[in-house]
PDB file of N, CA and C in Angstrom:
ATOM      1  N   MET A   1       0.721  -1.295  -0.439  1.00  0.00           N
ATOM      2  CA  MET A   1       0.222   0.033   0.020  1.00  0.00           C
ATOM      3  C   MET A   1       0.792   1.223  -0.123  1.00  0.00           C
ATOM      4  N   ALA A   2       0.422   1.988  -0.633  1.00  0.00           N
ATOM      5  CA  ALA A   2       1.281   3.462  -0.865  1.00  0.00           C
ATOM      6  C   ALA A   2       0.573   4.593   0.255  1.00  0.00           C
ATOM      7  N   LYS A   3       1.377   5.498   0.466  1.00  0.00           N
ATOM      8  CA  LYS A   3       1.101   6.469   1.483  1.00  0.00           C
ATOM      9  C   LYS A   3       0.152   7.331   0.412  1.00  0.00           C
ATOM     10  N   ALA A   4      -0.753   8.000   1.274  1.00  0.00           N
ATOM     11  CA  ALA A   4      -1.429   9.198   0.188  1.00  0.00           C
ATOM     12  C   ALA A   4      -0.699  10.350   0.257  1.00  0.00           C
ATOM     13  N   LYS A   5      -0.049  10.559  -1.118  1.00  0.00           N
ATOM     14  CA  LYS A   5       0.746  11.707  -1.369  1.00  0.00           C
ATOM     15  C   LYS A   5      -0.360  13.128  -1.037  1.00  0.00           C
ATOM     16  N   GLY A   6       0.999  14.350  -0.459  1.00  0.00           N
ATOM     17  CA  GLY A   6       0.275  15.386   0.103  1.00  0.00           C
ATOM     18  C   GLY A   6       0.696  16.500   0.646  1.00  0.00           C
ATOM     19  N   PRO A   7       0.561  17.892   0.972  1.00  0.00           N
ATOM     20  CA  PRO A   7       1.266  18.780   1.941  1.00  0.00           C
ATOM     21  C   PRO A   7       1.266  17.862   3.281  1.00  0.00           C
ATOM     22  N   ARG A   8       3.003  18.226   3.561  1.00  0.00           N
ATOM     23  CA  ARG A   8       2.754  17.715   4.937  1.00  0.00           C
ATOM     24  C   ARG A   8       2.156  19.094   6.037  1.00  0.00           C
ATOM     25  N   PRO A   9       1.783  18.718   7.049  1.00  0.00           N
ATOM     26  CA  PRO A   9       1.209  19.269   7.623  1.00  0.00           C
ATOM     27  C   PRO A   9       2.326  20.681   8.280  1.00  0.00           C
ATOM     28  N   LYS A  10       2.492  21.753   8.614  1.00  0.00           N
ATOM     29  CA  LYS A  10       3.326  23.121   8.929  1.00  0.00           C
ATOM     30  C   LYS A  10       3.666  22.321  10.582  1.00  0.00           C
ATOM     31  N   HIS A  11       4.701  22.744  10.691  1.00  0.00           N
ATOM     32  CA  HIS A  11       5.365  22.000  12.246  1.00  0.00           C
ATOM     33  C   HIS A  11       5.142  23.501  13.324  1.00  0.00           C
ATOM     34  N   VAL A  12       4.380  23.324  14.086  1.00  0.00           N
ATOM     35  CA  VAL A  12       4.069  24.098  14.929  1.00  0.00           C
ATOM     36  C   VAL A  12       5.130  24.381  16.241  1.00  0.00           C
ATOM     37  N   PRO A  13       6.024  25.025  16.797  1.00  0.00           N
ATOM     38  CA  PRO A  13       6.515  25.124  17.833  1.00  0.00           C
ATOM     39  C   PRO A  13       6.010  24.947  18.813  1.00  0.00           C
ATOM     40  N   ILE A  14       6.040  24.422  19.905  1.00  0.00           N
ATOM     41  CA  ILE A  14       5.311  24.363  21.241  1.00  0.00           C
ATOM     42  C   ILE A  14       6.211  25.016  22.515  1.00  0.00           C
ATOM     43  N   ARG A  15       5.822  25.640  23.343  1.00  0.00           N
ATOM     44  CA  ARG A  15       6.949  26.337  24.373  1.00  0.00           C
ATOM     45  C   ARG A  15       5.770  26.320  25.107  1.00  0.00           C
ATOM     46  N   THR A  16       6.797  26.392  26.494  1.00  0.00           N
ATOM     47  CA  THR A  16       5.850  26.146  27.533  1.00  0.00           C
ATOM     48  C   THR A  16       5.684  27.667  28.547  1.00  0.00           C
ATOM     49  N   CYS A  17       4.315  27.881  29.338  1.00  0.00           N
ATOM     50  CA  CYS A  17       4.475  29.102  29.734  1.00  0.00           C
ATOM     51  C   CYS A  17       5.479  29.004  31.536  1.00  0.00           C
ATOM     52  N   ILE A  18       6.207  30.023  31.638  1.00  0.00           N
ATOM     53  CA  ILE A  18       7.172  29.727  32.667  1.00  0.00           C
ATOM     54  C   ILE A  18       6.151  30.109  33.699  1.00  0.00           C
ATOM     55  N   ALA A  19       4.904  31.025  34.176  1.00  0.00           N
ATOM     56  CA  ALA A  19       3.899  30.865  35.254  1.00  0.00           C
ATOM     57  C   ALA A  19       3.159  29.880  35.552  1.00  0.00           C
ATOM     58  N   CYS A  20       2.351  29.110  34.351  1.00  0.00           N
ATOM     59  CA  CYS A  20       1.365  28.622  34.695  1.00  0.00           C
ATOM     60  C   CYS A  20       1.563  26.705  34.034  1.00  0.00           C
ATOM     61  N   ARG A  21       2.880  26.838  33.724  1.00  0.00           N
ATOM     62  CA  ARG A  21       3.597  25.816  32.550  1.00  0.00           C
ATOM     63  C   ARG A  21       2.389  25.374  31.694  1.00  0.00           C
ATOM     64  N   GLN A  22       1.983  26.189  31.561  1.00  0.00           N
ATOM     65  CA  GLN A  22       0.780  25.206  30.279  1.00  0.00           C
ATOM     66  C   GLN A  22       1.747  25.161  28.791  1.00  0.00           C
ATOM     67  N   GLU A  23       1.607  24.836  27.947  1.00  0.00           N
ATOM     68  CA  GLU A  23       2.001  24.377  26.584  1.00  0.00           C
ATOM     69  C   GLU A  23       1.077  24.870  25.831  1.00  0.00           C
ATOM     70  N   ALA A  24       1.869  25.842  24.779  1.00  0.00           N
ATOM     71  CA  ALA A  24       1.138  26.039  23.520  1.00  0.00           C
ATOM     72  C   ALA A  24       2.108  26.514  22.649  1.00  0.00           C
ATOM     73  N   GLY A  25       1.395  27.111  21.416  1.00  0.00           N
ATOM     74  CA  GLY A  25       2.056  27.463  20.071  1.00  0.00           C
ATOM     75  C   GLY A  25       3.091  28.510  20.550  1.00  0.00           C
ATOM     76  N   LYS A  26       4.017  28.725  19.893  1.00  0.00           N
ATOM     77  CA  LYS A  26       5.407  29.709  19.795  1.00  0.00           C
ATOM     78  C   LYS A  26       4.483  30.958  19.534  1.00  0.00           C
ATOM     79  N   ARG A  27       3.678  31.134  18.881  1.00  0.00           N
ATOM     80  CA  ARG A  27       2.870  32.128  18.154  1.00  0.00           C
ATOM     81  C   ARG A  27       1.693  32.735  19.393  1.00  0.00           C
ATOM     82  N   GLU A  28       1.523  32.001  20.533  1.00  0.00           N
ATOM     83  CA  GLU A  28       0.011  31.921  20.931  1.00  0.00           C
ATOM     84  C   GLU A  28       0.740  32.599  22.310  1.00  0.00           C
ATOM     85  N   LEU A  29       1.820  32.689  22.416  1.00  0.00           N
ATOM     86  CA  LEU A  29       2.750  32.954  24.265  1.00  0.00           C
ATOM     87  C   LEU A  29       3.436  34.631  23.536  1.00  0.00           C
ATOM     88  N   VAL A  30       3.855  35.135  24.928  1.00  0.00           N
ATOM     89  CA  VAL A  30       5.054  36.484  24.487  1.00  0.00           C
ATOM     90  C   VAL A  30       6.099  36.106  25.086  1.00  0.00           C
ATOM     91  N   ARG A  31       7.117  36.275  24.061  1.00  0.00           N
ATOM     92  CA  ARG A  31       8.615  36.006  24.390  1.00  0.00           C
ATOM     93  C   ARG A  31       9.240  37.297  25.264  1.00  0.00           C
ATOM     94  N   VAL A  32       9.680  37.020  26.589  1.00  0.00           N
ATOM     95  CA  VAL A  32      10.406  38.080  26.884  1.00  0.00           C
ATOM     96  C   VAL A  32      12.262  37.622  26.730  1.00  0.00           C
ATOM     97  N   VAL A  33      12.496  38.756  26.212  1.00  0.00           N
ATOM     98  CA  VAL A  33      14.093  38.043  26.096  1.00  0.00           C
ATOM     99  C   VAL A  33      15.267  38.868  27.157  1.00  0.00           C
ATOM    100  N   ARG A  34      16.105  38.400  27.308  1.00  0.00           N
ATOM    101  CA  ARG A  34      17.644  38.832  27.681  1.00  0.00           C
ATOM    102  C   ARG A  34      18.939  39.451  26.728  1.00  0.00           C
ATOM    103  N   THR A  35      18.559  40.334  26.419  1.00  0.00           N
ATOM    104  CA  THR A  35      19.581  40.353  25.021  1.00  0.00           C
ATOM    105  C   THR A  35      20.946  40.513  25.402  1.00  0.00           C
ATOM    106  N   PRO A  36      21.509  39.922  24.597  1.00  0.00           N
ATOM    107  CA  PRO A  36      23.260  40.080  24.957  1.00  0.00           C
ATOM    108  C   PRO A  36      23.833  41.301  25.546  1.00  0.00           C
ATOM    109  N   SER A  37      23.172  42.515  25.575  1.00  0.00           N
ATOM    110  CA  SER A  37      23.815  43.711  26.339  1.00  0.00           C
ATOM    111  C   SER A  37      23.136  43.765  27.798  1.00  0.00           C
ATOM    112  N   GLY A  38      22.987  42.481  28.198  1.00  0.00           N
ATOM    113  CA  GLY A  38      21.936  42.846  29.424  1.00  0.00           C
ATOM    114  C   GLY A  38      20.729  43.404  29.835  1.00  0.00           C
ATOM    115  N   SER A  39      20.031  43.866  28.654  1.00  0.00           N
ATOM    116  CA  SER A  39      18.707  44.634  29.063  1.00  0.00           C
ATOM    117  C   SER A  39      17.339  43.246  28.841  1.00  0.00           C
ATOM    118  N   VAL A  40      16.442  43.836  29.662  1.00  0.00           N
ATOM    119  CA  VAL A  40      15.144  42.349  29.815  1.00  0.00           C
ATOM    120  C   VAL A  40      14.206  43.435  29.073  1.00  0.00           C
ATOM    121  N   GLN A  41      13.536  42.734  27.554  1.00  0.00           N
ATOM    122  CA  GLN A  41      12.279  43.216  27.588  1.00  0.00           C
ATOM    123  C   GLN A  41      11.574  42.202  26.607  1.00  0.00           C
ATOM    124  N   VAL A  42      10.749  42.804  26.242  1.00  0.00           N
ATOM    125  CA  VAL A  42       9.449  41.783  25.734  1.00  0.00           C
ATOM    126  C   VAL A  42       9.992  41.963  24.456  1.00  0.00           C
ATOM    127  N   ASP A  43       9.785  40.651  23.553  1.00  0.00           N
ATOM    128  CA  ASP A  43      10.166  40.738  22.137  1.00  0.00           C
ATOM    129  C   ASP A  43       8.990  40.128  21.283  1.00  0.00           C
ATOM    130  N   PRO A  44       8.016  41.071  20.645  1.00  0.00           N
ATOM    131  CA  PRO A  44       6.895  40.827  20.041  1.00  0.00           C
ATOM    132  C   PRO A  44       7.144  39.871  18.944  1.00  0.00           C
ATOM    133  N   THR A  45       8.798  40.170  17.967  1.00  0.00           N
ATOM    134  CA  THR A  45       8.941  39.557  16.754  1.00  0.00           C
ATOM    135  C   THR A  45       9.033  37.731  16.973  1.00  0.00           C
ATOM    136  N   GLY A  46       9.621  37.498  18.681  1.00  0.00           N
ATOM    137  CA  GLY A  46      10.226  36.033  18.944  1.00  0.00           C
ATOM    138  C   GLY A  46      11.700  35.932  18.285  1.00  0.00           C
ATOM    139  N   LYS A  47      12.107  36.939  17.533  1.00  0.00           N
ATOM    140  CA  LYS A  47      13.417  36.839  16.941  1.00  0.00           C
ATOM    141  C   LYS A  47      14.618  37.533  17.549  1.00  0.00           C
ATOM    142  N   LEU A  48      14.309  38.275  18.672  1.00  0.00           N
ATOM    143  CA  LEU A  48      15.422  38.944  18.824  1.00  0.00           C
ATOM    144  C   LEU A  48      16.779  38.092  19.589  1.00  0.00           C
ATOM    145  N   ALA A  49      17.993  38.368  19.719  1.00  0.00           N
ATOM    146  CA  ALA A  49      18.703  37.456  19.869  1.00  0.00           C
ATOM    147  C   ALA A  49      19.040  37.708  21.774  1.00  0.00           C
ATOM    148  N   GLY A  50      19.338  36.580  21.860  1.00  0.00           N
ATOM    149  CA  GLY A  50      19.853  36.268  23.665  1.00  0.00           C
ATOM    150  C   GLY A  50      18.378  34.926  24.332  1.00  0.00           C
ATOM    151  N   ARG A  51      18.785  35.301  25.636  1.00  0.00           N
ATOM    152  CA  ARG A  51      17.665  34.472  26.020  1.00  0.00           C
ATOM    153  C   ARG A  51      16.616  34.444  26.607  1.00  0.00           C
ATOM    154  N   GLY A  52      15.398  33.601  26.117  1.00  0.00           N
ATOM    155  CA  GLY A  52      14.138  33.924  26.159  1.00  0.00           C
ATOM    156  C   GLY A  52      13.718  33.144  27.060  1.00  0.00           C
ATOM    157  N   ALA A  53      12.145  33.228  27.105  1.00  0.00           N
ATOM    158  CA  ALA A  53      11.318  33.016  28.549  1.00  0.00           C
ATOM    159  C   ALA A  53      10.050  33.660  27.663  1.00  0.00           C
ATOM    160  N   TYR A  54       8.903  32.205  27.989  1.00  0.00           N
ATOM    161  CA  TYR A  54       7.477  32.435  27.442  1.00  0.00           C
ATOM    162  C   TYR A  54       6.640  32.933  28.557  1.00  0.00           C
ATOM    163  N   VAL A  55       5.755  33.684  28.686  1.00  0.00           N
ATOM    164  CA  VAL A  55       4.641  33.789  29.322  1.00  0.00           C
ATOM    165  C   VAL A  55       3.468  34.023  28.534  1.00  0.00           C
ATOM    166  N   CYS A  56       1.853  33.472  29.299  1.00  0.00           N
ATOM    167  CA  CYS A  56       1.171  33.479  28.191  1.00  0.00           C
ATOM    168  C   CYS A  56       0.479  35.118  28.094  1.00  0.00           C
ATOM    169  N   ARG A  57      -0.343  35.346  27.385  1.00  0.00           N
ATOM    170  CA  ARG A  57      -1.337  36.960  27.210  1.00  0.00           C
ATOM    171  C   ARG A  57      -2.325  37.237  28.078  1.00  0.00           C
ATOM    172  N   THR A  58      -1.980  36.385  29.108  1.00  0.00           N
ATOM    173  CA  THR A  58      -2.786  37.289  30.027  1.00  0.00           C
ATOM    174  C   THR A  58      -2.188  37.614  31.618  1.00  0.00           C
ATOM    175  N   ARG A  59      -3.063  38.429  32.164  1.00  0.00           N
ATOM    176  CA  ARG A  59      -2.373  39.260  33.355  1.00  0.00           C
ATOM    177  C   ARG A  59      -2.209  38.340  34.281  1.00  0.00           C
ATOM    178  N   ALA A  60      -2.813  37.749  34.764  1.00  0.00           N
ATOM    179  CA  ALA A  60      -2.570  36.611  35.715  1.00  0.00           C
ATOM    180  C   ALA A  60      -1.190  35.657  35.534  1.00  0.00           C
ATOM    181  N   CYS A  61      -0.691  35.615  34.277  1.00  0.00           N
ATOM    182  CA  CYS A  61       0.428  34.542  34.424  1.00  0.00           C
ATOM    183  C   CYS A  61       1.368  35.701  34.318  1.00  0.00           C
ATOM    184  N   TRP A  62       1.483  36.759  33.616  1.00  0.00           N
ATOM    185  CA  TRP A  62       2.479  37.879  34.079  1.00  0.00           C
ATOM    186  C   TRP A  62       2.809  38.184  35.261  1.00  0.00           C
ATOM    187  N   GLU A  63       1.396  38.053  36.108  1.00  0.00           N
ATOM    188  CA  GLU A  63       2.034  38.507  37.394  1.00  0.00           C
ATOM    189  C   GLU A  63       2.192  37.743  38.502  1.00  0.00           C
ATOM    190  N   GLN A  64       2.007  36.425  38.218  1.00  0.00           N
ATOM    191  CA  GLN A  64       2.806  35.217  38.650  1.00  0.00           C
ATOM    192  C   GLN A  64       4.244  34.950  38.289  1.00  0.00           C
ATOM    193  N   ALA A  65       4.741  35.155  36.720  1.00  0.00           N
ATOM    194  CA  ALA A  65       5.801  35.609  36.585  1.00  0.00           C
ATOM    195  C   ALA A  65       6.699  36.533  37.140  1.00  0.00           C
ATOM    196  N   LEU A  66       6.310  37.946  37.351  1.00  0.00           N
ATOM    197  CA  LEU A  66       7.242  38.675  37.680  1.00  0.00           C
ATOM    198  C   LEU A  66       7.384  38.757  39.119  1.00  0.00           C
ATOM    199  N   GLN A  67       6.136  38.282  40.114  1.00  0.00           N
ATOM    200  CA  GLN A  67       6.737  38.108  41.409  1.00  0.00           C
ATOM    201  C   GLN A  67       7.478  36.939  41.941  1.00  0.00           C
ATOM    202  N   GLY A  68       8.049  37.093  42.679  1.00  0.00           N
ATOM    203  CA  GLY A  68       9.404  36.346  43.302  1.00  0.00           C
ATOM    204  C   GLY A  68      10.387  36.534  42.504  1.00  0.00           C
ATOM    205  N   GLN A  69      11.430  35.277  42.023  1.00  0.00           N
ATOM    206  CA  GLN A  69      11.974  35.162  40.576  1.00  0.00           C
ATOM    207  C   GLN A  69      12.127  34.611  39.659  1.00  0.00           C
ATOM    208  N   ARG A  70      10.802  34.014  39.385  1.00  0.00           N
ATOM    209  CA  ARG A  70      10.349  33.010  38.651  1.00  0.00           C
ATOM    210  C   ARG A  70      10.840  33.755  36.970  1.00  0.00           C
ATOM    211  N   LEU A  71      10.683  34.633  36.692  1.00  0.00           N
ATOM    212  CA  LEU A  71      11.410  35.167  35.087  1.00  0.00           C
ATOM    213  C   LEU A  71      12.632  35.346  35.181  1.00  0.00           C
ATOM    214  N   GLY A  72      13.174  36.485  36.459  1.00  0.00           N
ATOM    215  CA  GLY A  72      14.885  36.440  36.508  1.00  0.00           C
ATOM    216  C   GLY A  72      15.311  35.175  36.463  1.00  0.00           C
ATOM    217  N   GLY A  73      14.697  34.105  37.037  1.00  0.00           N
ATOM    218  CA  GLY A  73      15.521  32.667  37.382  1.00  0.00           C
ATOM    219  C   GLY A  73      15.242  32.254  35.856  1.00  0.00           C
ATOM    220  N   ALA A  74      14.087  32.333  34.919  1.00  0.00           N
ATOM    221  CA  ALA A  74      14.426  31.799  33.503  1.00  0.00           C
ATOM    222  C   ALA A  74      15.154  32.435  32.593  1.00  0.00           C
ATOM    223  N   LEU A  75      15.606  33.651  32.820  1.00  0.00           N
ATOM    224  CA  LEU A  75      16.334  34.842  32.226  1.00  0.00           C
ATOM    225  C   LEU A  75      17.581  34.405  32.416  1.00  0.00           C
ATOM    226  N   LYS A  76      17.946  33.743  33.559  1.00  0.00           N
ATOM    227  CA  LYS A  76      19.396  33.749  34.333  1.00  0.00           C
ATOM    228  C   LYS A  76      19.968  35.078  34.834  1.00  0.00           C
ATOM    229  N   THR A  77      18.946  36.121  35.274  1.00  0.00           N
ATOM    230  CA  THR A  77      19.406  37.114  35.433  1.00  0.00           C
ATOM    231  C   THR A  77      18.723  38.102  36.521  1.00  0.00           C
ATOM    232  N   THR A  78      18.953  38.929  36.981  1.00  0.00           N
ATOM    233  CA  THR A  78      18.008  39.787  38.122  1.00  0.00           C
ATOM    234  C   THR A  78      17.453  40.813  37.519  1.00  0.00           C
ATOM    235  N   LEU A  79      16.276  40.668  37.636  1.00  0.00           N
ATOM    236  CA  LEU A  79      15.598  42.041  37.086  1.00  0.00           C
ATOM    237  C   LEU A  79      15.792  43.508  38.115  1.00  0.00           C
ATOM    238  N   THR A  80      16.124  44.467  37.294  1.00  0.00           N
ATOM    239  CA  THR A  80      15.918  45.893  37.919  1.00  0.00           C
ATOM    240  C   THR A  80      14.689  46.087  38.060  1.00  0.00           C
ATOM    241  N   ALA A  81      14.840  47.022  38.809  1.00  0.00           N
ATOM    242  CA  ALA A  81      13.421  48.028  39.152  1.00  0.00           C
ATOM    243  C   ALA A  81      12.610  48.287  37.768  1.00  0.00           C
ATOM    244  N   ASP A  82      13.840  49.100  36.953  1.00  0.00           N
ATOM    245  CA  ASP A  82      13.212  49.672  35.565  1.00  0.00           C
ATOM    246  C   ASP A  82      12.904  48.631  34.726  1.00  0.00           C
ATOM    247  N   ASN A  83      13.155  47.287  34.836  1.00  0.00           N
ATOM    248  CA  ASN A  83      12.593  46.177  33.862  1.00  0.00           C
ATOM    249  C   ASN A  83      11.670  46.139  34.323  1.00  0.00           C
ATOM    250  N   LEU A  84      11.202  45.576  35.826  1.00  0.00           N
ATOM    251  CA  LEU A  84      10.108  45.107  36.502  1.00  0.00           C
ATOM    252  C   LEU A  84       9.063  46.035  36.155  1.00  0.00           C
ATOM    253  N   ALA A  85       9.157  47.773  36.165  1.00  0.00           N
ATOM    254  CA  ALA A  85       8.234  48.703  35.990  1.00  0.00           C
ATOM    255  C   ALA A  85       7.555  48.278  34.379  1.00  0.00           C
ATOM    256  N   GLU A  86       8.954  48.252  33.590  1.00  0.00           N
ATOM    257  CA  GLU A  86       8.127  48.250  32.065  1.00  0.00           C
ATOM    258  C   GLU A  86       7.400  47.010  31.733  1.00  0.00           C
ATOM    259  N   LEU A  87       7.656  45.515  32.311  1.00  0.00           N
ATOM    260  CA  LEU A  87       7.345  44.727  32.181  1.00  0.00           C
ATOM    261  C   LEU A  87       5.842  45.055  32.571  1.00  0.00           C
ATOM    262  N   ARG A  88       5.545  45.167  34.068  1.00  0.00           N
ATOM    263  CA  ARG A  88       4.138  45.332  34.945  1.00  0.00           C
ATOM    264  C   ARG A  88       3.360  46.557  33.741  1.00  0.00           C
ATOM    265  N   ALA A  89       4.386  47.182  33.430  1.00  0.00           N
ATOM    266  CA  ALA A  89       3.413  48.132  32.487  1.00  0.00           C
ATOM    267  C   ALA A  89       2.879  47.421  31.247  1.00  0.00           C
ATOM    268  N   TYR A  90       3.442  46.150  30.694  1.00  0.00           N
ATOM    269  CA  TYR A  90       2.820  45.918  29.580  1.00  0.00           C
ATOM    270  C   TYR A  90       2.066  45.062  29.944  1.00  0.00           C
ATOM    271  N   ALA A  91       1.976  44.279  30.795  1.00  0.00           N
ATOM    272  CA  ALA A  91       0.762  43.337  31.596  1.00  0.00           C
ATOM    273  C   ALA A  91      -0.178  44.039  32.077  1.00  0.00           C
ATOM    274  N   ALA A  92       0.066  44.980  32.359  1.00  0.00           N
ATOM    275  CA  ALA A  92      -1.509  45.894  32.605  1.00  0.00           C
ATOM    276  C   ALA A  92      -2.401  46.454  31.378  1.00  0.00           C
ATOM    277  N   ALA A  93      -1.448  46.073  30.462  1.00  0.00           N
ATOM    278  CA  ALA A  93      -2.353  46.184  28.990  1.00  0.00           C
ATOM    279  C   ALA A  93      -3.205  44.693  28.550  1.00  0.00           C
ATOM    280  N   LEU A  94      -2.540  43.995  28.944  1.00  0.00           N
ATOM    281  CA  LEU A  94      -3.187  42.792  28.606  1.00  0.00           C
ATOM    282  C   LEU A  94      -4.186  42.143  29.521  1.00  0.00           C
ATOM    283  N   PRO A  95      -5.255  41.567  28.496  1.00  0.00           N
ATOM    284  CA  PRO A  95      -6.939  40.765  29.441  1.00  0.00           C
ATOM    285  C   PRO A  95      -6.366  40.418  30.458  1.00  0.00           C
ATOM    286  N   GLU A  96      -7.762  40.070  31.493  1.00  0.00           N
ATOM    287  CA  GLU A  96      -7.492  39.527  32.649  1.00  0.00           C
ATOM    288  C   GLU A  96      -7.281  37.861  32.609  1.00  0.00           C
ATOM    289  N   SER A  97      -7.809  37.330  31.838  1.00  0.00           N
ATOM    290  CA  SER A  97      -7.799  35.898  31.237  1.00  0.00           C
ATOM    291  C   SER A  97      -8.285  35.525  29.862  1.00  0.00           C
ATOM    292  N   LEU A  98      -8.134  34.512  29.367  1.00  0.00           N
ATOM    293  CA  LEU A  98      -8.577  34.485  27.814  1.00  0.00           C
ATOM    294  C   LEU A  98     -10.028  33.590  27.633  1.00  0.00           C
TER     295      LEU A  98
END
C-alpha cells in the first residue's frame, strides 16, 4: 500500500509558559528576552537575539511570572526596578484571562 501524497502539515513549535506551565504554540505566547547587552524586554517578533522565556497573554500569568524570581530565574538574570516597571506596564494592557 502506498501512502497518500499531499502537503505535509506545518510544524508548530511548542513552548511552555513559565508561570502556569501550560504548553502552547510559540506564536500564542509572549517572549521576554534578555539581550546580550543585559537588558530585559518584551520581544513581540520572537526573533531577538538572547535568552528567552515565554509567558501567556494573560495578566494573571504575568503577575505570577513577575512575583518572586520566576522570570529572572528563567532568564538567568536579576531584574532591575526599571525592568520590572516596564514589564508590569506591558502586563497592565493585557486581558485578565482568555
